[in-house]
């Protein structure tokens, strides 16, 4: 497997040098900063990702203040207690995108976050303390216990909150295949494990967060798709 230093050099050459490359590398939040993030902000971010999936992102962004009002600020305790009458009312609420399955996912994810809070003290503490070297374990947790949060949706949700981890964008998948880490777009647990091991190796070599390694890797591809606008 290629050394991270060579990957960095390739990306820097494409981006106009190391200084310009560094400007484009995001910095993940610390475990304590994530733990201090209120659980309602985790539910809000989860819900936004779910509603953006397969929809125009700008429309969701523009309507989001209305979502915050309609869902009472995404307080997990309140959203978890929504009864069928409240769900029916939301499905008639013009402030939001009235998709039944996605509206129900807010209630389901509120229950999930309440469970994490009971297990770890807060959902933020669970996410913050989860080790980056087992990022795929956190993805597996979201796939198993959260609603409509798997694959890139889960990866992008965690990135928006500042959790250290990767996003397997089309360009990142291309780079991973090129470097022999996987032979196809990594979606199986076996391939995700190989991806995690590769990132752990590059992390040990570079002493950089996985978030930055993910961006560097994507930037080595000739036609780069920004991680922040991947199709979910």
C-alpha atoms as a PDB file:
ATOM      1  CA  UNK A   1       0.000   0.000   0.000  1.00  0.00           C
ATOM      2  CA  UNK A   2       1.286   3.460  -0.891  1.00  0.00           C
ATOM      3  CA  UNK A   3       2.696   5.621   1.895  1.00  0.00           C
ATOM      4  CA  UNK A   4       0.639   8.593   3.057  1.00  0.00           C
ATOM      5  CA  UNK A   5       3.505  10.964   2.276  1.00  0.00           C
ATOM      6  CA  UNK A   6       3.190  10.143  -1.425  1.00  0.00           C
ATOM      7  CA  UNK A   7      -0.576  10.586  -1.332  1.00  0.00           C
ATOM      8  CA  UNK A   8      -0.076  13.971   0.286  1.00  0.00           C
ATOM      9  CA  UNK A   9       2.430  15.007  -2.377  1.00  0.00           C
ATOM     10  CA  UNK A  10       0.009  14.041  -5.146  1.00  0.00           C
ATOM     11  CA  UNK A  11      -2.823  16.001  -3.569  1.00  0.00           C
ATOM     12  CA  UNK A  12      -0.594  19.026  -2.911  1.00  0.00           C
ATOM     13  CA  UNK A  13       0.538  19.071  -6.543  1.00  0.00           C
ATOM     14  CA  UNK A  14      -3.077  19.096  -7.715  1.00  0.00           C
ATOM     15  CA  UNK A  15      -4.115  21.807  -5.251  1.00  0.00           C
ATOM     16  CA  UNK A  16      -1.284  24.275  -5.795  1.00  0.00           C
ATOM     17  CA  UNK A  17       1.128  23.244  -3.066  1.00  0.00           C
ATOM     18  CA  UNK A  18       1.075  22.175   0.589  1.00  0.00           C
ATOM     19  CA  UNK A  19      -0.089  25.562   1.901  1.00  0.00           C
ATOM     20  CA  UNK A  20      -3.138  25.586  -0.373  1.00  0.00           C
ATOM     21  CA  UNK A  21      -3.877  21.949   0.419  1.00  0.00           C
ATOM     22  CA  UNK A  22      -3.775  22.577   4.166  1.00  0.00           C
ATOM     23  CA  UNK A  23      -6.421  25.304   3.809  1.00  0.00           C
ATOM     24  CA  UNK A  24      -8.834  22.682   2.489  1.00  0.00           C
ATOM     25  CA  UNK A  25      -8.301  20.059   5.177  1.00  0.00           C
ATOM     26  CA  UNK A  26     -11.092  20.056   7.796  1.00  0.00           C
ATOM     27  CA  UNK A  27     -10.335  19.700  11.484  1.00  0.00           C
ATOM     28  CA  UNK A  28     -12.525  17.310  13.485  1.00  0.00           C
ATOM     29  CA  UNK A  29     -13.801  18.300  16.910  1.00  0.00           C
ATOM     30  CA  UNK A  30     -12.330  16.915  20.091  1.00  0.00           C
ATOM     31  CA  UNK A  31     -14.095  14.212  22.072  1.00  0.00           C
ATOM     32  CA  UNK A  32     -14.982  16.766  24.754  1.00  0.00           C
ATOM     33  CA  UNK A  33     -16.421  19.218  22.223  1.00  0.00           C
ATOM     34  CA  UNK A  34     -18.598  16.467  20.760  1.00  0.00           C
ATOM     35  CA  UNK A  35     -19.685  15.377  24.224  1.00  0.00           C
ATOM     36  CA  UNK A  36     -20.740  18.948  25.022  1.00  0.00           C
ATOM     37  CA  UNK A  37     -22.936  19.123  21.924  1.00  0.00           C
ATOM     38  CA  UNK A  38     -26.546  18.919  23.153  1.00  0.00           C
ATOM     39  CA  UNK A  39     -28.488  15.851  22.068  1.00  0.00           C
ATOM     40  CA  UNK A  40     -31.104  17.990  20.308  1.00  0.00           C
ATOM     41  CA  UNK A  41     -28.360  19.122  17.883  1.00  0.00           C
ATOM     42  CA  UNK A  42     -27.513  15.512  17.126  1.00  0.00           C
ATOM     43  CA  UNK A  43     -31.162  14.784  16.360  1.00  0.00           C
ATOM     44  CA  UNK A  44     -31.439  17.904  14.221  1.00  0.00           C
ATOM     45  CA  UNK A  45     -28.367  16.919  12.177  1.00  0.00           C
ATOM     46  CA  UNK A  46     -29.578  13.329  11.820  1.00  0.00           C
ATOM     47  CA  UNK A  47     -32.955  14.521  10.608  1.00  0.00           C
ATOM     48  CA  UNK A  48     -31.489  17.004   8.147  1.00  0.00           C
ATOM     49  CA  UNK A  49     -29.369  14.307   6.531  1.00  0.00           C
ATOM     50  CA  UNK A  50     -32.385  12.013   6.268  1.00  0.00           C
ATOM     51  CA  UNK A  51     -34.531  14.687   4.620  1.00  0.00           C
ATOM     52  CA  UNK A  52     -31.727  15.725   2.250  1.00  0.00           C
ATOM     53  CA  UNK A  53     -31.295  12.185   0.935  1.00  0.00           C
ATOM     54  CA  UNK A  54     -32.663  12.037  -2.600  1.00  0.00           C
ATOM     55  CA  UNK A  55     -33.923  15.611  -2.389  1.00  0.00           C
ATOM     56  CA  UNK A  56     -32.683  19.077  -3.320  1.00  0.00           C
ATOM     57  CA  UNK A  57     -30.327  20.086  -0.527  1.00  0.00           C
ATOM     58  CA  UNK A  58     -30.928  23.806  -0.968  1.00  0.00           C
ATOM     59  CA  UNK A  59     -34.669  23.367  -0.537  1.00  0.00           C
ATOM     60  CA  UNK A  60     -34.084  21.499   2.734  1.00  0.00           C
ATOM     61  CA  UNK A  61     -31.614  24.173   3.903  1.00  0.00           C
ATOM     62  CA  UNK A  62     -34.115  26.933   3.170  1.00  0.00           C
ATOM     63  CA  UNK A  63     -36.921  25.159   5.005  1.00  0.00           C
ATOM     64  CA  UNK A  64     -34.854  24.084   7.990  1.00  0.00           C
ATOM     65  CA  UNK A  65     -35.942  26.892  10.355  1.00  0.00           C
ATOM     66  CA  UNK A  66     -39.498  25.653   9.794  1.00  0.00           C
ATOM     67  CA  UNK A  67     -38.397  22.106  10.598  1.00  0.00           C
ATOM     68  CA  UNK A  68     -36.883  23.338  13.866  1.00  0.00           C
ATOM     69  CA  UNK A  69     -40.188  24.945  14.799  1.00  0.00           C
ATOM     70  CA  UNK A  70     -42.355  22.022  13.712  1.00  0.00           C
ATOM     71  CA  UNK A  71     -40.256  19.498  15.645  1.00  0.00           C
ATOM     72  CA  UNK A  72     -39.994  21.659  18.797  1.00  0.00           C
ATOM     73  CA  UNK A  73     -36.262  22.208  18.425  1.00  0.00           C
ATOM     74  CA  UNK A  74     -35.648  18.464  18.018  1.00  0.00           C
ATOM     75  CA  UNK A  75     -35.672  17.789  21.743  1.00  0.00           C
ATOM     76  CA  UNK A  76     -35.218  13.982  21.878  1.00  0.00           C
ATOM     77  CA  UNK A  77     -37.549  13.491  24.833  1.00  0.00           C
ATOM     78  CA  UNK A  78     -40.336  15.415  23.145  1.00  0.00           C
ATOM     79  CA  UNK A  79     -39.861  13.896  19.693  1.00  0.00           C
ATOM     80  CA  UNK A  80     -39.670  10.378  21.121  1.00  0.00           C
ATOM     81  CA  UNK A  81     -43.085  10.942  22.709  1.00  0.00           C
ATOM     82  CA  UNK A  82     -44.847  12.046  19.511  1.00  0.00           C
ATOM     83  CA  UNK A  83     -48.087  10.105  19.215  1.00  0.00           C
ATOM     84  CA  UNK A  84     -49.897   9.237  15.994  1.00  0.00           C
ATOM     85  CA  UNK A  85     -51.987  12.416  16.163  1.00  0.00           C
ATOM     86  CA  UNK A  86     -48.825  14.528  16.297  1.00  0.00           C
ATOM     87  CA  UNK A  87     -47.340  12.603  13.376  1.00  0.00           C
ATOM     88  CA  UNK A  88     -50.539  13.135  11.375  1.00  0.00           C
ATOM     89  CA  UNK A  89     -50.374  16.850  12.127  1.00  0.00           C
ATOM     90  CA  UNK A  90     -46.767  16.998  10.915  1.00  0.00           C
ATOM     91  CA  UNK A  91     -47.769  15.316   7.667  1.00  0.00           C
ATOM     92  CA  UNK A  92     -50.051  18.300   7.035  1.00  0.00           C
ATOM     93  CA  UNK A  93     -47.523  20.924   8.161  1.00  0.00           C
ATOM     94  CA  UNK A  94     -46.341  23.043   5.230  1.00  0.00           C
ATOM     95  CA  UNK A  95     -43.251  24.174   7.145  1.00  0.00           C
ATOM     96  CA  UNK A  96     -41.615  20.804   6.471  1.00  0.00           C
ATOM     97  CA  UNK A  97     -41.218  18.274   3.664  1.00  0.00           C
ATOM     98  CA  UNK A  98     -44.150  15.947   4.237  1.00  0.00           C
ATOM     99  CA  UNK A  99     -42.602  12.551   3.662  1.00  0.00           C
ATOM    100  CA  UNK A 100     -44.190  10.014   5.997  1.00  0.00           C
ATOM    101  CA  UNK A 101     -41.254   7.622   6.318  1.00  0.00           C
ATOM    102  CA  UNK A 102     -38.812  10.451   7.006  1.00  0.00           C
ATOM    103  CA  UNK A 103     -41.100  12.120   9.538  1.00  0.00           C
ATOM    104  CA  UNK A 104     -41.377   8.799  11.384  1.00  0.00           C
ATOM    105  CA  UNK A 105     -37.582   8.477  11.331  1.00  0.00           C
ATOM    106  CA  UNK A 106     -37.323  11.580  13.522  1.00  0.00           C
ATOM    107  CA  UNK A 107     -39.314   9.865  16.248  1.00  0.00           C
ATOM    108  CA  UNK A 108     -37.318   6.637  15.847  1.00  0.00           C
ATOM    109  CA  UNK A 109     -33.998   8.469  16.017  1.00  0.00           C
ATOM    110  CA  UNK A 110     -35.140  10.418  19.056  1.00  0.00           C
ATOM    111  CA  UNK A 111     -35.776   7.082  20.796  1.00  0.00           C
ATOM    112  CA  UNK A 112     -32.322   5.891  19.679  1.00  0.00           C
ATOM    113  CA  UNK A 113     -30.599   8.989  21.068  1.00  0.00           C
ATOM    114  CA  UNK A 114     -32.482   8.618  24.352  1.00  0.00           C
ATOM    115  CA  UNK A 115     -31.181   5.059  24.570  1.00  0.00           C
ATOM    116  CA  UNK A 116     -27.613   6.237  23.954  1.00  0.00           C
ATOM    117  CA  UNK A 117     -28.028   8.897  26.632  1.00  0.00           C
ATOM    118  CA  UNK A 118     -29.198   6.276  29.114  1.00  0.00           C
ATOM    119  CA  UNK A 119     -26.233   4.050  28.240  1.00  0.00           C
ATOM    120  CA  UNK A 120     -23.482   6.706  28.087  1.00  0.00           C
ATOM    121  CA  UNK A 121     -24.720   9.785  29.919  1.00  0.00           C
ATOM    122  CA  UNK A 122     -25.500  11.583  26.665  1.00  0.00           C
ATOM    123  CA  UNK A 123     -25.578  10.733  22.995  1.00  0.00           C
ATOM    124  CA  UNK A 124     -22.795  13.277  22.471  1.00  0.00           C
ATOM    125  CA  UNK A 125     -20.580  11.431  24.930  1.00  0.00           C
ATOM    126  CA  UNK A 126     -21.110   8.181  23.016  1.00  0.00           C
ATOM    127  CA  UNK A 127     -20.188   9.759  19.693  1.00  0.00           C
ATOM    128  CA  UNK A 128     -17.301  11.715  21.178  1.00  0.00           C
ATOM    129  CA  UNK A 129     -15.692   8.781  22.957  1.00  0.00           C
ATOM    130  CA  UNK A 130     -16.017   6.379  20.037  1.00  0.00           C
ATOM    131  CA  UNK A 131     -12.441   5.689  18.789  1.00  0.00           C
ATOM    132  CA  UNK A 132     -11.594   6.838  15.264  1.00  0.00           C
ATOM    133  CA  UNK A 133      -9.705   3.605  14.688  1.00  0.00           C
ATOM    134  CA  UNK A 134     -13.083   1.819  14.862  1.00  0.00           C
ATOM    135  CA  UNK A 135     -15.085   4.301  12.811  1.00  0.00           C
ATOM    136  CA  UNK A 136     -16.726   1.390  10.975  1.00  0.00           C
ATOM    137  CA  UNK A 137     -18.028   0.156  14.325  1.00  0.00           C
ATOM    138  CA  UNK A 138     -19.839   3.470  14.793  1.00  0.00           C
ATOM    139  CA  UNK A 139     -21.241   3.210  11.271  1.00  0.00           C
ATOM    140  CA  UNK A 140     -22.473  -0.296  12.112  1.00  0.00           C
ATOM    141  CA  UNK A 141     -24.155   1.034  15.252  1.00  0.00           C
ATOM    142  CA  UNK A 142     -26.028   3.678  13.255  1.00  0.00           C
ATOM    143  CA  UNK A 143     -27.041   1.167  10.596  1.00  0.00           C
ATOM    144  CA  UNK A 144     -28.380  -1.264  13.200  1.00  0.00           C
ATOM    145  CA  UNK A 145     -30.067   1.042  15.688  1.00  0.00           C
ATOM    146  CA  UNK A 146     -30.787   4.366  13.982  1.00  0.00           C
ATOM    147  CA  UNK A 147     -33.406   4.964  11.303  1.00  0.00           C
ATOM    148  CA  UNK A 148     -32.439   5.662   7.676  1.00  0.00           C
ATOM    149  CA  UNK A 149     -28.788   6.312   8.568  1.00  0.00           C
ATOM    150  CA  UNK A 150     -26.438   3.949   6.798  1.00  0.00           C
ATOM    151  CA  UNK A 151     -23.673   4.187   4.212  1.00  0.00           C
ATOM    152  CA  UNK A 152     -22.793   7.699   3.087  1.00  0.00           C
ATOM    153  CA  UNK A 153     -25.758   9.170   4.949  1.00  0.00           C
ATOM    154  CA  UNK A 154     -24.228   8.049   8.250  1.00  0.00           C
ATOM    155  CA  UNK A 155     -20.737   9.116   7.173  1.00  0.00           C
ATOM    156  CA  UNK A 156     -21.862  12.582   6.177  1.00  0.00           C
ATOM    157  CA  UNK A 157     -23.961  13.005   9.324  1.00  0.00           C
ATOM    158  CA  UNK A 158     -20.912  12.314  11.468  1.00  0.00           C
ATOM    159  CA  UNK A 159     -18.737  14.631   9.364  1.00  0.00           C
ATOM    160  CA  UNK A 160     -21.198  17.518   9.714  1.00  0.00           C
ATOM    161  CA  UNK A 161     -21.047  17.111  13.494  1.00  0.00           C
ATOM    162  CA  UNK A 162     -17.244  17.134  13.498  1.00  0.00           C
ATOM    163  CA  UNK A 163     -16.629  13.461  14.272  1.00  0.00           C
ATOM    164  CA  UNK A 164     -13.301  12.182  12.984  1.00  0.00           C
ATOM    165  CA  UNK A 165     -13.954   9.718  10.178  1.00  0.00           C
ATOM    166  CA  UNK A 166     -14.078   9.158   6.449  1.00  0.00           C
ATOM    167  CA  UNK A 167     -16.629   9.676   3.696  1.00  0.00           C
ATOM    168  CA  UNK A 168     -16.495   7.134   0.896  1.00  0.00           C
ATOM    169  CA  UNK A 169     -17.308   9.558  -1.899  1.00  0.00           C
ATOM    170  CA  UNK A 170     -17.024   8.325  -5.498  1.00  0.00           C
ATOM    171  CA  UNK A 171     -13.536   9.854  -5.680  1.00  0.00           C
ATOM    172  CA  UNK A 172     -12.483   8.241  -2.422  1.00  0.00           C
ATOM    173  CA  UNK A 173     -13.712   4.861  -3.672  1.00  0.00           C
ATOM    174  CA  UNK A 174     -11.749   5.389  -6.894  1.00  0.00           C
ATOM    175  CA  UNK A 175      -8.595   6.142  -4.915  1.00  0.00           C
ATOM    176  CA  UNK A 176      -9.052   3.134  -2.632  1.00  0.00           C
ATOM    177  CA  UNK A 177      -9.450   0.839  -5.638  1.00  0.00           C
ATOM    178  CA  UNK A 178      -6.422   2.424  -7.324  1.00  0.00           C
ATOM    179  CA  UNK A 179      -4.279   1.783  -4.235  1.00  0.00           C
ATOM    180  CA  UNK A 180      -5.413  -1.837  -3.975  1.00  0.00           C
ATOM    181  CA  UNK A 181      -7.233  -1.418  -0.660  1.00  0.00           C
ATOM    182  CA  UNK A 182     -10.459  -2.782  -2.193  1.00  0.00           C
ATOM    183  CA  UNK A 183     -11.516  -4.003  -5.626  1.00  0.00           C
ATOM    184  CA  UNK A 184     -14.911  -2.254  -5.793  1.00  0.00           C
ATOM    185  CA  UNK A 185     -16.952   0.425  -4.063  1.00  0.00           C
ATOM    186  CA  UNK A 186     -16.607  -0.671  -0.410  1.00  0.00           C
ATOM    187  CA  UNK A 187     -20.010  -1.448   1.051  1.00  0.00           C
ATOM    188  CA  UNK A 188     -19.574  -4.912   2.571  1.00  0.00           C
ATOM    189  CA  UNK A 189     -18.268  -5.317   6.127  1.00  0.00           C
ATOM    190  CA  UNK A 190     -15.214  -7.084   4.742  1.00  0.00           C
ATOM    191  CA  UNK A 191     -14.345  -4.174   2.454  1.00  0.00           C
ATOM    192  CA  UNK A 192     -15.106  -1.584   5.148  1.00  0.00           C
ATOM    193  CA  UNK A 193     -12.734  -3.408   7.475  1.00  0.00           C
ATOM    194  CA  UNK A 194     -10.015  -3.191   4.806  1.00  0.00           C
ATOM    195  CA  UNK A 195     -10.712   0.535   4.440  1.00  0.00           C
ATOM    196  CA  UNK A 196     -10.495   1.050   8.203  1.00  0.00           C
ATOM    197  CA  UNK A 197      -7.194  -0.813   8.374  1.00  0.00           C
ATOM    198  CA  UNK A 198      -5.763   1.308   5.548  1.00  0.00           C
ATOM    199  CA  UNK A 199      -6.812   4.517   7.263  1.00  0.00           C
ATOM    200  CA  UNK A 200      -5.388   3.331  10.564  1.00  0.00           C
ATOM    201  CA  UNK A 201      -2.057   2.674   8.827  1.00  0.00           C
ATOM    202  CA  UNK A 202      -2.008   6.117   7.190  1.00  0.00           C
ATOM    203  CA  UNK A 203      -3.043   7.676  10.495  1.00  0.00           C
ATOM    204  CA  UNK A 204      -0.105   6.048  12.279  1.00  0.00           C
ATOM    205  CA  UNK A 205       2.272   7.213   9.526  1.00  0.00           C
ATOM    206  CA  UNK A 206       1.065  10.801   9.397  1.00  0.00           C
ATOM    207  CA  UNK A 207      -0.300  11.505  12.881  1.00  0.00           C
ATOM    208  CA  UNK A 208      -3.247  13.163  11.149  1.00  0.00           C
ATOM    209  CA  UNK A 209      -6.964  12.681  11.823  1.00  0.00           C
ATOM    210  CA  UNK A 210      -8.829  10.319   9.537  1.00  0.00           C
ATOM    211  CA  UNK A 211     -10.981  13.234   8.356  1.00  0.00           C
ATOM    212  CA  UNK A 212      -7.936  14.880   6.794  1.00  0.00           C
ATOM    213  CA  UNK A 213      -6.595  11.641   5.347  1.00  0.00           C
ATOM    214  CA  UNK A 214     -10.007  11.105   3.729  1.00  0.00           C
ATOM    215  CA  UNK A 215      -9.856  14.509   2.026  1.00  0.00           C
ATOM    216  CA  UNK A 216      -6.253  14.055   0.914  1.00  0.00           C
ATOM    217  CA  UNK A 217      -7.107  10.702  -0.627  1.00  0.00           C
ATOM    218  CA  UNK A 218     -10.084  12.142  -2.527  1.00  0.00           C
ATOM    219  CA  UNK A 219      -7.945  15.031  -3.757  1.00  0.00           C
ATOM    220  CA  UNK A 220      -5.543  12.642  -5.489  1.00  0.00           C
ATOM    221  CA  UNK A 221      -8.274  11.790  -8.004  1.00  0.00           C
ATOM    222  CA  UNK A 222      -8.271  13.825 -11.211  1.00  0.00           C
ATOM    223  CA  UNK A 223     -11.983  14.641 -11.276  1.00  0.00           C
ATOM    224  CA  UNK A 224     -12.796  15.310  -7.669  1.00  0.00           C
ATOM    225  CA  UNK A 225     -16.325  15.436  -6.279  1.00  0.00           C
ATOM    226  CA  UNK A 226     -16.388  17.504  -3.048  1.00  0.00           C
ATOM    227  CA  UNK A 227     -17.108  15.312  -0.032  1.00  0.00           C
ATOM    228  CA  UNK A 228     -19.610  17.822   1.243  1.00  0.00           C
ATOM    229  CA  UNK A 229     -21.885  17.372  -1.776  1.00  0.00           C
ATOM    230  CA  UNK A 230     -21.903  13.623  -2.281  1.00  0.00           C
ATOM    231  CA  UNK A 231     -25.241  12.147  -3.315  1.00  0.00           C
ATOM    232  CA  UNK A 232     -26.703  10.372  -0.320  1.00  0.00           C
END
